[in-house]
């Protein structure tokens, strides 16, 4: 069993658990819509990964998994440090983009 769905779930669950706090950082458009788009995309990445099979020994999967874990650590660090909303949104966007690439590798 691959860890890809778990890594995708970790990001989605983190965003969900901190949704109120994160939404408060984006009270105005267009940042509010950008954040919510990334939140929905994180959920989609997770759902897209659930029923797929991934080759854990595939270097591309391993690389993207490592990037996902690094990005999630960055998001948590930025939120804990009360970084600027733009910096947090950028980290979330990068994680979601990596997650989309990762989900696309499943069959």
PDB file of N, CA and C in Angstrom:
ATOM      1  N   UNK A   1       0.842  -1.185   0.000  1.00  0.00           N
ATOM      2  CA  UNK A   1       0.000   0.000   0.000  1.00  0.00           C
ATOM      3  C   UNK A   1       0.886   1.246   0.000  1.00  0.00           C
ATOM      4  N   UNK A   2       0.567   2.140  -0.856  1.00  0.00           N
ATOM      5  CA  UNK A   2       1.335   3.367  -0.996  1.00  0.00           C
ATOM      6  C   UNK A   2       0.956   4.378   0.081  1.00  0.00           C
ATOM      7  N   UNK A   3       1.917   5.236   0.401  1.00  0.00           N
ATOM      8  CA  UNK A   3       1.667   6.314   1.355  1.00  0.00           C
ATOM      9  C   UNK A   3       1.139   7.573   0.677  1.00  0.00           C
ATOM     10  N   UNK A   4       0.967   7.544  -0.635  1.00  0.00           N
ATOM     11  CA  UNK A   4       0.510   8.733  -1.353  1.00  0.00           C
ATOM     12  C   UNK A   4      -0.831   9.239  -0.814  1.00  0.00           C
ATOM     13  N   UNK A   5      -1.865   8.389  -0.683  1.00  0.00           N
ATOM     14  CA  UNK A   5      -3.119   8.919  -0.152  1.00  0.00           C
ATOM     15  C   UNK A   5      -2.961   9.530   1.247  1.00  0.00           C
ATOM     16  N   UNK A   6      -2.097   8.956   2.073  1.00  0.00           N
ATOM     17  CA  UNK A   6      -1.898   9.501   3.415  1.00  0.00           C
ATOM     18  C   UNK A   6      -1.271  10.889   3.361  1.00  0.00           C
ATOM     19  N   UNK A   7      -0.282  11.079   2.504  1.00  0.00           N
ATOM     20  CA  UNK A   7       0.358  12.384   2.384  1.00  0.00           C
ATOM     21  C   UNK A   7      -0.651  13.417   1.881  1.00  0.00           C
ATOM     22  N   UNK A   8      -1.478  13.009   0.924  1.00  0.00           N
ATOM     23  CA  UNK A   8      -2.518  13.911   0.415  1.00  0.00           C
ATOM     24  C   UNK A   8      -3.532  14.217   1.526  1.00  0.00           C
ATOM     25  N   UNK A   9      -3.894  13.188   2.283  1.00  0.00           N
ATOM     26  CA  UNK A   9      -4.840  13.351   3.380  1.00  0.00           C
ATOM     27  C   UNK A   9      -4.272  14.247   4.474  1.00  0.00           C
ATOM     28  N   UNK A  10      -2.984  14.113   4.756  1.00  0.00           N
ATOM     29  CA  UNK A  10      -2.355  14.951   5.783  1.00  0.00           C
ATOM     30  C   UNK A  10      -2.521  16.433   5.466  1.00  0.00           C
ATOM     31  N   UNK A  11      -2.301  16.805   4.209  1.00  0.00           N
ATOM     32  CA  UNK A  11      -2.456  18.209   3.817  1.00  0.00           C
ATOM     33  C   UNK A  11      -3.910  18.633   3.928  1.00  0.00           C
ATOM     34  N   UNK A  12      -4.798  17.838   3.383  1.00  0.00           N
ATOM     35  CA  UNK A  12      -6.223  18.188   3.410  1.00  0.00           C
ATOM     36  C   UNK A  12      -6.736  18.287   4.847  1.00  0.00           C
ATOM     37  N   UNK A  13      -6.366  17.335   5.699  1.00  0.00           N
ATOM     38  CA  UNK A  13      -6.818  17.373   7.094  1.00  0.00           C
ATOM     39  C   UNK A  13      -6.234  18.570   7.844  1.00  0.00           C
ATOM     40  N   UNK A  14      -4.987  18.900   7.580  1.00  0.00           N
ATOM     41  CA  UNK A  14      -4.387  20.061   8.228  1.00  0.00           C
ATOM     42  C   UNK A  14      -5.149  21.327   7.838  1.00  0.00           C
ATOM     43  N   UNK A  15      -5.425  21.474   6.554  1.00  0.00           N
ATOM     44  CA  UNK A  15      -6.172  22.652   6.100  1.00  0.00           C
ATOM     45  C   UNK A  15      -7.579  22.668   6.699  1.00  0.00           C
ATOM     46  N   UNK A  16      -8.202  21.504   6.790  1.00  0.00           N
ATOM     47  CA  UNK A  16      -9.551  21.417   7.346  1.00  0.00           C
ATOM     48  C   UNK A  16      -9.555  21.770   8.833  1.00  0.00           C
ATOM     49  N   UNK A  17      -8.617  21.210   9.585  1.00  0.00           N
ATOM     50  CA  UNK A  17      -8.549  21.481  11.026  1.00  0.00           C
ATOM     51  C   UNK A  17      -8.272  22.953  11.315  1.00  0.00           C
ATOM     52  N   UNK A  18      -7.568  23.606  10.432  1.00  0.00           N
ATOM     53  CA  UNK A  18      -7.201  25.006  10.627  1.00  0.00           C
ATOM     54  C   UNK A  18      -7.978  25.941   9.702  1.00  0.00           C
ATOM     55  N   UNK A  19      -9.091  25.466   9.189  1.00  0.00           N
ATOM     56  CA  UNK A  19      -9.835  26.217   8.184  1.00  0.00           C
ATOM     57  C   UNK A  19     -10.268  27.590   8.681  1.00  0.00           C
ATOM     58  N   UNK A  20     -10.829  27.657   9.871  1.00  0.00           N
ATOM     59  CA  UNK A  20     -11.294  28.953  10.390  1.00  0.00           C
ATOM     60  C   UNK A  20     -10.146  29.939  10.536  1.00  0.00           C
ATOM     61  N   UNK A  21      -9.043  29.466  11.093  1.00  0.00           N
ATOM     62  CA  UNK A  21      -7.873  30.327  11.274  1.00  0.00           C
ATOM     63  C   UNK A  21      -7.325  30.801   9.928  1.00  0.00           C
ATOM     64  N   UNK A  22      -7.259  29.875   8.981  1.00  0.00           N
ATOM     65  CA  UNK A  22      -6.729  30.232   7.671  1.00  0.00           C
ATOM     66  C   UNK A  22      -7.678  31.151   6.912  1.00  0.00           C
ATOM     67  N   UNK A  23      -8.970  30.872   6.977  1.00  0.00           N
ATOM     68  CA  UNK A  23      -9.932  31.747   6.302  1.00  0.00           C
ATOM     69  C   UNK A  23      -9.878  33.166   6.851  1.00  0.00           C
ATOM     70  N   UNK A  24      -9.627  33.301   8.138  1.00  0.00           N
ATOM     71  CA  UNK A  24      -9.548  34.633   8.754  1.00  0.00           C
ATOM     72  C   UNK A  24      -8.388  35.447   8.180  1.00  0.00           C
ATOM     73  N   UNK A  25      -7.380  34.768   7.661  1.00  0.00           N
ATOM     74  CA  UNK A  25      -6.237  35.466   7.070  1.00  0.00           C
ATOM     75  C   UNK A  25      -6.575  36.052   5.698  1.00  0.00           C
ATOM     76  N   UNK A  26      -7.677  35.575   5.112  1.00  0.00           N
ATOM     77  CA  UNK A  26      -8.054  35.986   3.758  1.00  0.00           C
ATOM     78  C   UNK A  26      -9.487  36.525   3.725  1.00  0.00           C
ATOM     79  N   UNK A  27      -9.733  37.661   4.390  1.00  0.00           N
ATOM     80  CA  UNK A  27     -11.109  38.184   4.441  1.00  0.00           C
ATOM     81  C   UNK A  27     -11.548  38.856   3.132  1.00  0.00           C
ATOM     82  N   UNK A  28     -10.599  39.191   2.276  1.00  0.00           N
ATOM     83  CA  UNK A  28     -10.926  39.944   1.067  1.00  0.00           C
ATOM     84  C   UNK A  28     -10.571  39.170  -0.195  1.00  0.00           C
ATOM     85  N   UNK A  29     -11.258  39.528  -1.259  1.00  0.00           N
ATOM     86  CA  UNK A  29     -10.951  38.971  -2.576  1.00  0.00           C
ATOM     87  C   UNK A  29      -9.706  39.658  -3.127  1.00  0.00           C
ATOM     88  N   UNK A  30      -8.922  39.085  -3.941  1.00  0.00           N
ATOM     89  CA  UNK A  30      -9.053  37.751  -4.529  1.00  0.00           C
ATOM     90  C   UNK A  30      -8.419  36.656  -3.679  1.00  0.00           C
ATOM     91  N   UNK A  31      -7.725  37.051  -2.587  1.00  0.00           N
ATOM     92  CA  UNK A  31      -7.035  36.051  -1.757  1.00  0.00           C
ATOM     93  C   UNK A  31      -8.003  35.024  -1.162  1.00  0.00           C
ATOM     94  N   UNK A  32      -9.184  35.479  -0.784  1.00  0.00           N
ATOM     95  CA  UNK A  32     -10.179  34.565  -0.209  1.00  0.00           C
ATOM     96  C   UNK A  32     -10.514  33.452  -1.202  1.00  0.00           C
ATOM     97  N   UNK A  33     -10.788  33.826  -2.444  1.00  0.00           N
ATOM     98  CA  UNK A  33     -11.108  32.835  -3.477  1.00  0.00           C
ATOM     99  C   UNK A  33      -9.905  31.964  -3.796  1.00  0.00           C
ATOM    100  N   UNK A  34      -8.722  32.563  -3.810  1.00  0.00           N
ATOM    101  CA  UNK A  34      -7.512  31.787  -4.091  1.00  0.00           C
ATOM    102  C   UNK A  34      -7.289  30.724  -3.021  1.00  0.00           C
ATOM    103  N   UNK A  35      -7.484  31.112  -1.759  1.00  0.00           N
ATOM    104  CA  UNK A  35      -7.312  30.140  -0.679  1.00  0.00           C
ATOM    105  C   UNK A  35      -8.338  29.013  -0.802  1.00  0.00           C
ATOM    106  N   UNK A  36      -9.598  29.375  -1.005  1.00  0.00           N
ATOM    107  CA  UNK A  36     -10.640  28.350  -1.082  1.00  0.00           C
ATOM    108  C   UNK A  36     -10.428  27.428  -2.288  1.00  0.00           C
ATOM    109  N   UNK A  37      -9.925  27.966  -3.384  1.00  0.00           N
ATOM    110  CA  UNK A  37      -9.610  27.138  -4.549  1.00  0.00           C
ATOM    111  C   UNK A  37      -8.539  26.110  -4.188  1.00  0.00           C
ATOM    112  N   UNK A  38      -7.511  26.540  -3.463  1.00  0.00           N
ATOM    113  CA  UNK A  38      -6.454  25.613  -3.062  1.00  0.00           C
ATOM    114  C   UNK A  38      -6.978  24.561  -2.082  1.00  0.00           C
ATOM    115  N   UNK A  39      -7.872  24.967  -1.200  1.00  0.00           N
ATOM    116  CA  UNK A  39      -8.479  24.029  -0.247  1.00  0.00           C
ATOM    117  C   UNK A  39      -9.263  22.946  -1.004  1.00  0.00           C
ATOM    118  N   UNK A  40     -10.070  23.363  -1.955  1.00  0.00           N
ATOM    119  CA  UNK A  40     -10.852  22.414  -2.755  1.00  0.00           C
ATOM    120  C   UNK A  40      -9.924  21.524  -3.581  1.00  0.00           C
ATOM    121  N   UNK A  41      -8.864  22.095  -4.127  1.00  0.00           N
ATOM    122  CA  UNK A  41      -7.908  21.304  -4.906  1.00  0.00           C
ATOM    123  C   UNK A  41      -7.178  20.284  -4.037  1.00  0.00           C
ATOM    124  N   UNK A  42      -6.895  20.637  -2.794  1.00  0.00           N
ATOM    125  CA  UNK A  42      -6.263  19.686  -1.872  1.00  0.00           C
ATOM    126  C   UNK A  42      -7.190  18.499  -1.628  1.00  0.00           C
ATOM    127  N   UNK A  43      -8.480  18.789  -1.465  1.00  0.00           N
ATOM    128  CA  UNK A  43      -9.463  17.704  -1.279  1.00  0.00           C
ATOM    129  C   UNK A  43      -9.528  16.853  -2.542  1.00  0.00           C
ATOM    130  N   UNK A  44      -9.515  17.476  -3.705  1.00  0.00           N
ATOM    131  CA  UNK A  44      -9.569  16.743  -4.975  1.00  0.00           C
ATOM    132  C   UNK A  44      -8.335  15.857  -5.115  1.00  0.00           C
ATOM    133  N   UNK A  45      -7.167  16.380  -4.780  1.00  0.00           N
ATOM    134  CA  UNK A  45      -5.939  15.574  -4.868  1.00  0.00           C
ATOM    135  C   UNK A  45      -6.049  14.336  -3.996  1.00  0.00           C
ATOM    136  N   UNK A  46      -6.574  14.514  -2.793  1.00  0.00           N
ATOM    137  CA  UNK A  46      -6.748  13.370  -1.890  1.00  0.00           C
ATOM    138  C   UNK A  46      -7.716  12.360  -2.503  1.00  0.00           C
ATOM    139  N   UNK A  47      -8.872  12.862  -2.941  1.00  0.00           N
ATOM    140  CA  UNK A  47      -9.870  11.956  -3.527  1.00  0.00           C
ATOM    141  C   UNK A  47      -9.337  11.260  -4.774  1.00  0.00           C
ATOM    142  N   UNK A  48      -8.560  11.960  -5.579  1.00  0.00           N
ATOM    143  CA  UNK A  48      -7.987  11.363  -6.780  1.00  0.00           C
ATOM    144  C   UNK A  48      -6.954  10.283  -6.451  1.00  0.00           C
ATOM    145  N   UNK A  49      -6.369  10.359  -5.274  1.00  0.00           N
ATOM    146  CA  UNK A  49      -5.313   9.412  -4.889  1.00  0.00           C
ATOM    147  C   UNK A  49      -5.830   8.172  -4.180  1.00  0.00           C
ATOM    148  N   UNK A  50      -7.020   8.244  -3.635  1.00  0.00           N
ATOM    149  CA  UNK A  50      -7.534   7.154  -2.795  1.00  0.00           C
ATOM    150  C   UNK A  50      -7.559   5.812  -3.521  1.00  0.00           C
ATOM    151  N   UNK A  51      -8.121   5.773  -4.693  1.00  0.00           N
ATOM    152  CA  UNK A  51      -8.328   4.502  -5.378  1.00  0.00           C
ATOM    153  C   UNK A  51      -7.289   4.206  -6.457  1.00  0.00           C
ATOM    154  N   UNK A  52      -6.202   4.948  -6.439  1.00  0.00           N
ATOM    155  CA  UNK A  52      -5.155   4.704  -7.420  1.00  0.00           C
ATOM    156  C   UNK A  52      -4.030   3.902  -6.791  1.00  0.00           C
ATOM    157  N   UNK A  53      -3.282   3.260  -7.643  1.00  0.00           N
ATOM    158  CA  UNK A  53      -2.096   2.522  -7.203  1.00  0.00           C
ATOM    159  C   UNK A  53      -0.871   3.330  -7.610  1.00  0.00           C
ATOM    160  N   UNK A  54       0.072   3.387  -6.692  1.00  0.00           N
ATOM    161  CA  UNK A  54       1.313   4.122  -6.919  1.00  0.00           C
ATOM    162  C   UNK A  54       2.488   3.193  -6.705  1.00  0.00           C
ATOM    163  N   UNK A  55       3.518   3.383  -7.495  1.00  0.00           N
ATOM    164  CA  UNK A  55       4.742   2.602  -7.339  1.00  0.00           C
ATOM    165  C   UNK A  55       5.672   3.391  -6.434  1.00  0.00           C
ATOM    166  N   UNK A  56       5.776   2.947  -5.192  1.00  0.00           N
ATOM    167  CA  UNK A  56       6.614   3.654  -4.222  1.00  0.00           C
ATOM    168  C   UNK A  56       8.086   3.651  -4.603  1.00  0.00           C
ATOM    169  N   UNK A  57       8.494   2.685  -5.450  1.00  0.00           N
ATOM    170  CA  UNK A  57       9.885   2.647  -5.875  1.00  0.00           C
ATOM    171  C   UNK A  57      10.144   3.505  -7.118  1.00  0.00           C
ATOM    172  N   UNK A  58       9.098   4.161  -7.627  1.00  0.00           N
ATOM    173  CA  UNK A  58       9.242   5.081  -8.755  1.00  0.00           C
ATOM    174  C   UNK A  58       9.918   6.353  -8.241  1.00  0.00           C
ATOM    175  N   UNK A  59      11.051   6.739  -8.843  1.00  0.00           N
ATOM    176  CA  UNK A  59      11.765   7.935  -8.378  1.00  0.00           C
ATOM    177  C   UNK A  59      10.909   9.204  -8.414  1.00  0.00           C
ATOM    178  N   UNK A  60      10.021   9.326  -9.388  1.00  0.00           N
ATOM    179  CA  UNK A  60       9.157  10.513  -9.468  1.00  0.00           C
ATOM    180  C   UNK A  60       8.191  10.551  -8.288  1.00  0.00           C
ATOM    181  N   UNK A  61       7.626   9.402  -7.927  1.00  0.00           N
ATOM    182  CA  UNK A  61       6.708   9.328  -6.778  1.00  0.00           C
ATOM    183  C   UNK A  61       7.477   9.658  -5.506  1.00  0.00           C
ATOM    184  N   UNK A  62       8.641   9.071  -5.336  1.00  0.00           N
ATOM    185  CA  UNK A  62       9.445   9.320  -4.136  1.00  0.00           C
ATOM    186  C   UNK A  62       9.824  10.794  -4.024  1.00  0.00           C
ATOM    187  N   UNK A  63      10.202  11.396  -5.130  1.00  0.00           N
ATOM    188  CA  UNK A  63      10.594  12.809  -5.131  1.00  0.00           C
ATOM    189  C   UNK A  63       9.415  13.708  -4.771  1.00  0.00           C
ATOM    190  N   UNK A  64       8.265  13.440  -5.382  1.00  0.00           N
ATOM    191  CA  UNK A  64       7.083  14.263  -5.097  1.00  0.00           C
ATOM    192  C   UNK A  64       6.579  14.057  -3.669  1.00  0.00           C
ATOM    193  N   UNK A  65       6.705  12.822  -3.168  1.00  0.00           N
ATOM    194  CA  UNK A  65       6.330  12.565  -1.773  1.00  0.00           C
ATOM    195  C   UNK A  65       7.204  13.398  -0.839  1.00  0.00           C
ATOM    196  N   UNK A  66       8.495  13.427  -1.102  1.00  0.00           N
ATOM    197  CA  UNK A  66       9.417  14.210  -0.277  1.00  0.00           C
ATOM    198  C   UNK A  66       9.084  15.698  -0.368  1.00  0.00           C
ATOM    199  N   UNK A  67       8.758  16.159  -1.568  1.00  0.00           N
ATOM    200  CA  UNK A  67       8.372  17.565  -1.735  1.00  0.00           C
ATOM    201  C   UNK A  67       7.091  17.886  -0.977  1.00  0.00           C
ATOM    202  N   UNK A  68       6.120  16.973  -1.030  1.00  0.00           N
ATOM    203  CA  UNK A  68       4.862  17.185  -0.298  1.00  0.00           C
ATOM    204  C   UNK A  68       5.131  17.308   1.204  1.00  0.00           C
ATOM    205  N   UNK A  69       5.928  16.417   1.719  1.00  0.00           N
ATOM    206  CA  UNK A  69       6.229  16.448   3.159  1.00  0.00           C
ATOM    207  C   UNK A  69       6.950  17.738   3.529  1.00  0.00           C
ATOM    208  N   UNK A  70       7.879  18.164   2.686  1.00  0.00           N
ATOM    209  CA  UNK A  70       8.612  19.408   2.938  1.00  0.00           C
ATOM    210  C   UNK A  70       7.664  20.610   2.891  1.00  0.00           C
ATOM    211  N   UNK A  71       6.793  20.635   1.913  1.00  0.00           N
ATOM    212  CA  UNK A  71       5.849  21.757   1.796  1.00  0.00           C
ATOM    213  C   UNK A  71       4.886  21.797   2.978  1.00  0.00           C
ATOM    214  N   UNK A  72       4.450  20.642   3.428  1.00  0.00           N
ATOM    215  CA  UNK A  72       3.553  20.606   4.581  1.00  0.00           C
ATOM    216  C   UNK A  72       4.265  21.124   5.823  1.00  0.00           C
ATOM    217  N   UNK A  73       5.524  20.783   5.973  1.00  0.00           N
ATOM    218  CA  UNK A  73       6.302  21.299   7.103  1.00  0.00           C
ATOM    219  C   UNK A  73       6.438  22.815   6.994  1.00  0.00           C
ATOM    220  N   UNK A  74       6.634  23.299   5.782  1.00  0.00           N
ATOM    221  CA  UNK A  74       6.746  24.744   5.569  1.00  0.00           C
ATOM    222  C   UNK A  74       5.443  25.447   5.922  1.00  0.00           C
ATOM    223  N   UNK A  75       4.330  24.887   5.502  1.00  0.00           N
ATOM    224  CA  UNK A  75       3.029  25.493   5.821  1.00  0.00           C
ATOM    225  C   UNK A  75       2.851  25.580   7.337  1.00  0.00           C
ATOM    226  N   UNK A  76       3.094  24.474   8.022  1.00  0.00           N
ATOM    227  CA  UNK A  76       2.932  24.458   9.477  1.00  0.00           C
ATOM    228  C   UNK A  76       3.846  25.477  10.143  1.00  0.00           C
ATOM    229  N   UNK A  77       5.076  25.572   9.661  1.00  0.00           N
ATOM    230  CA  UNK A  77       6.037  26.528  10.215  1.00  0.00           C
ATOM    231  C   UNK A  77       5.564  27.966   9.981  1.00  0.00           C
ATOM    232  N   UNK A  78       5.097  28.258   8.794  1.00  0.00           N
ATOM    233  CA  UNK A  78       4.638  29.615   8.467  1.00  0.00           C
ATOM    234  C   UNK A  78       3.407  29.990   9.277  1.00  0.00           C
ATOM    235  N   UNK A  79       2.489  29.063   9.438  1.00  0.00           N
ATOM    236  CA  UNK A  79       1.286  29.339  10.235  1.00  0.00           C
ATOM    237  C   UNK A  79       1.676  29.564  11.694  1.00  0.00           C
ATOM    238  N   UNK A  80       2.529  28.696  12.228  1.00  0.00           N
ATOM    239  CA  UNK A  80       2.961  28.826  13.625  1.00  0.00           C
ATOM    240  C   UNK A  80       3.701  30.139  13.864  1.00  0.00           C
ATOM    241  N   UNK A  81       4.458  30.593  12.853  1.00  0.00           N
ATOM    242  CA  UNK A  81       5.222  31.831  12.984  1.00  0.00           C
ATOM    243  C   UNK A  81       4.380  33.062  12.665  1.00  0.00           C
ATOM    244  N   UNK A  82       3.094  32.826  12.358  1.00  0.00           N
ATOM    245  CA  UNK A  82       2.178  33.910  12.000  1.00  0.00           C
ATOM    246  C   UNK A  82       2.746  34.735  10.833  1.00  0.00           C
ATOM    247  N   UNK A  83       3.245  34.025   9.837  1.00  0.00           N
ATOM    248  CA  UNK A  83       3.807  34.663   8.643  1.00  0.00           C
ATOM    249  C   UNK A  83       2.708  35.405   7.894  1.00  0.00           C
ATOM    250  N   UNK A  84       3.108  36.173   6.920  1.00  0.00           N
ATOM    251  CA  UNK A  84       2.134  36.938   6.141  1.00  0.00           C
ATOM    252  C   UNK A  84       1.178  35.988   5.418  1.00  0.00           C
ATOM    253  N   UNK A  85      -0.021  36.468   5.211  1.00  0.00           N
ATOM    254  CA  UNK A  85      -1.037  35.667   4.523  1.00  0.00           C
ATOM    255  C   UNK A  85      -0.550  35.262   3.137  1.00  0.00           C
ATOM    256  N   UNK A  86       0.145  36.159   2.456  1.00  0.00           N
ATOM    257  CA  UNK A  86       0.650  35.858   1.112  1.00  0.00           C
ATOM    258  C   UNK A  86       1.665  34.724   1.147  1.00  0.00           C
ATOM    259  N   UNK A  87       2.520  34.719   2.145  1.00  0.00           N
ATOM    260  CA  UNK A  87       3.546  33.680   2.263  1.00  0.00           C
ATOM    261  C   UNK A  87       2.905  32.318   2.545  1.00  0.00           C
ATOM    262  N   UNK A  88       1.892  32.311   3.404  1.00  0.00           N
ATOM    263  CA  UNK A  88       1.197  31.060   3.716  1.00  0.00           C
ATOM    264  C   UNK A  88       0.456  30.557   2.483  1.00  0.00           C
ATOM    265  N   UNK A  89      -0.236  31.446   1.786  1.00  0.00           N
ATOM    266  CA  UNK A  89      -0.972  31.055   0.583  1.00  0.00           C
ATOM    267  C   UNK A  89      -0.026  30.502  -0.482  1.00  0.00           C
ATOM    268  N   UNK A  90       1.130  31.098  -0.602  1.00  0.00           N
ATOM    269  CA  UNK A  90       2.124  30.612  -1.562  1.00  0.00           C
ATOM    270  C   UNK A  90       2.565  29.196  -1.211  1.00  0.00           C
ATOM    271  N   UNK A  91       2.807  28.933   0.069  1.00  0.00           N
ATOM    272  CA  UNK A  91       3.217  27.595   0.506  1.00  0.00           C
ATOM    273  C   UNK A  91       2.106  26.577   0.266  1.00  0.00           C
ATOM    274  N   UNK A  92       0.868  26.969   0.553  1.00  0.00           N
ATOM    275  CA  UNK A  92      -0.274  26.076   0.325  1.00  0.00           C
ATOM    276  C   UNK A  92      -0.414  25.780  -1.168  1.00  0.00           C
ATOM    277  N   UNK A  93      -0.312  26.807  -1.981  1.00  0.00           N
ATOM    278  CA  UNK A  93      -0.438  26.645  -3.428  1.00  0.00           C
ATOM    279  C   UNK A  93       0.626  25.696  -3.968  1.00  0.00           C
ATOM    280  N   UNK A  94       1.850  25.850  -3.506  1.00  0.00           N
ATOM    281  CA  UNK A  94       2.935  24.969  -3.951  1.00  0.00           C
ATOM    282  C   UNK A  94       2.653  23.526  -3.541  1.00  0.00           C
ATOM    283  N   UNK A  95       2.207  23.322  -2.302  1.00  0.00           N
ATOM    284  CA  UNK A  95       1.900  21.969  -1.831  1.00  0.00           C
ATOM    285  C   UNK A  95       0.792  21.336  -2.662  1.00  0.00           C
ATOM    286  N   UNK A  96      -0.227  22.102  -2.956  1.00  0.00           N
ATOM    287  CA  UNK A  96      -1.355  21.588  -3.740  1.00  0.00           C
ATOM    288  C   UNK A  96      -0.905  21.258  -5.170  1.00  0.00           C
ATOM    289  N   UNK A  97      -0.049  22.073  -5.738  1.00  0.00           N
ATOM    290  CA  UNK A  97       0.461  21.795  -7.084  1.00  0.00           C
ATOM    291  C   UNK A  97       1.288  20.516  -7.101  1.00  0.00           C
ATOM    292  N   UNK A  98       2.108  20.328  -6.086  1.00  0.00           N
ATOM    293  CA  UNK A  98       2.897  19.090  -5.981  1.00  0.00           C
ATOM    294  C   UNK A  98       1.949  17.904  -5.806  1.00  0.00           C
ATOM    295  N   UNK A  99       0.908  18.095  -4.992  1.00  0.00           N
ATOM    296  CA  UNK A  99      -0.082  17.036  -4.785  1.00  0.00           C
ATOM    297  C   UNK A  99      -0.793  16.642  -6.071  1.00  0.00           C
ATOM    298  N   UNK A 100      -1.079  17.608  -6.924  1.00  0.00           N
ATOM    299  CA  UNK A 100      -1.729  17.322  -8.206  1.00  0.00           C
ATOM    300  C   UNK A 100      -0.801  16.497  -9.097  1.00  0.00           C
ATOM    301  N   UNK A 101       0.472  16.853  -9.115  1.00  0.00           N
ATOM    302  CA  UNK A 101       1.443  16.088  -9.905  1.00  0.00           C
ATOM    303  C   UNK A 101       1.538  14.666  -9.372  1.00  0.00           C
ATOM    304  N   UNK A 102       1.547  14.544  -8.065  1.00  0.00           N
ATOM    305  CA  UNK A 102       1.644  13.232  -7.429  1.00  0.00           C
ATOM    306  C   UNK A 102       0.409  12.384  -7.767  1.00  0.00           C
ATOM    307  N   UNK A 103      -0.775  12.969  -7.660  1.00  0.00           N
ATOM    308  CA  UNK A 103      -2.006  12.245  -7.956  1.00  0.00           C
ATOM    309  C   UNK A 103      -2.034  11.773  -9.404  1.00  0.00           C
ATOM    310  N   UNK A 104      -1.436  12.546 -10.292  1.00  0.00           N
ATOM    311  CA  UNK A 104      -1.445  12.187 -11.707  1.00  0.00           C
ATOM    312  C   UNK A 104      -0.577  10.964 -12.014  1.00  0.00           C
ATOM    313  N   UNK A 105       0.302  10.580 -11.102  1.00  0.00           N
ATOM    314  CA  UNK A 105       1.181   9.431 -11.332  1.00  0.00           C
ATOM    315  C   UNK A 105       0.531   8.101 -11.006  1.00  0.00           C
ATOM    316  N   UNK A 106      -0.625   8.147 -10.384  1.00  0.00           N
ATOM    317  CA  UNK A 106      -1.317   6.905 -10.022  1.00  0.00           C
ATOM    318  C   UNK A 106      -2.067   6.311 -11.197  1.00  0.00           C
ATOM    319  N   UNK A 107      -2.306   5.024 -11.104  1.00  0.00           N
ATOM    320  CA  UNK A 107      -3.060   4.317 -12.144  1.00  0.00           C
ATOM    321  C   UNK A 107      -4.238   3.585 -11.535  1.00  0.00           C
TER     322      UNK A 107
END
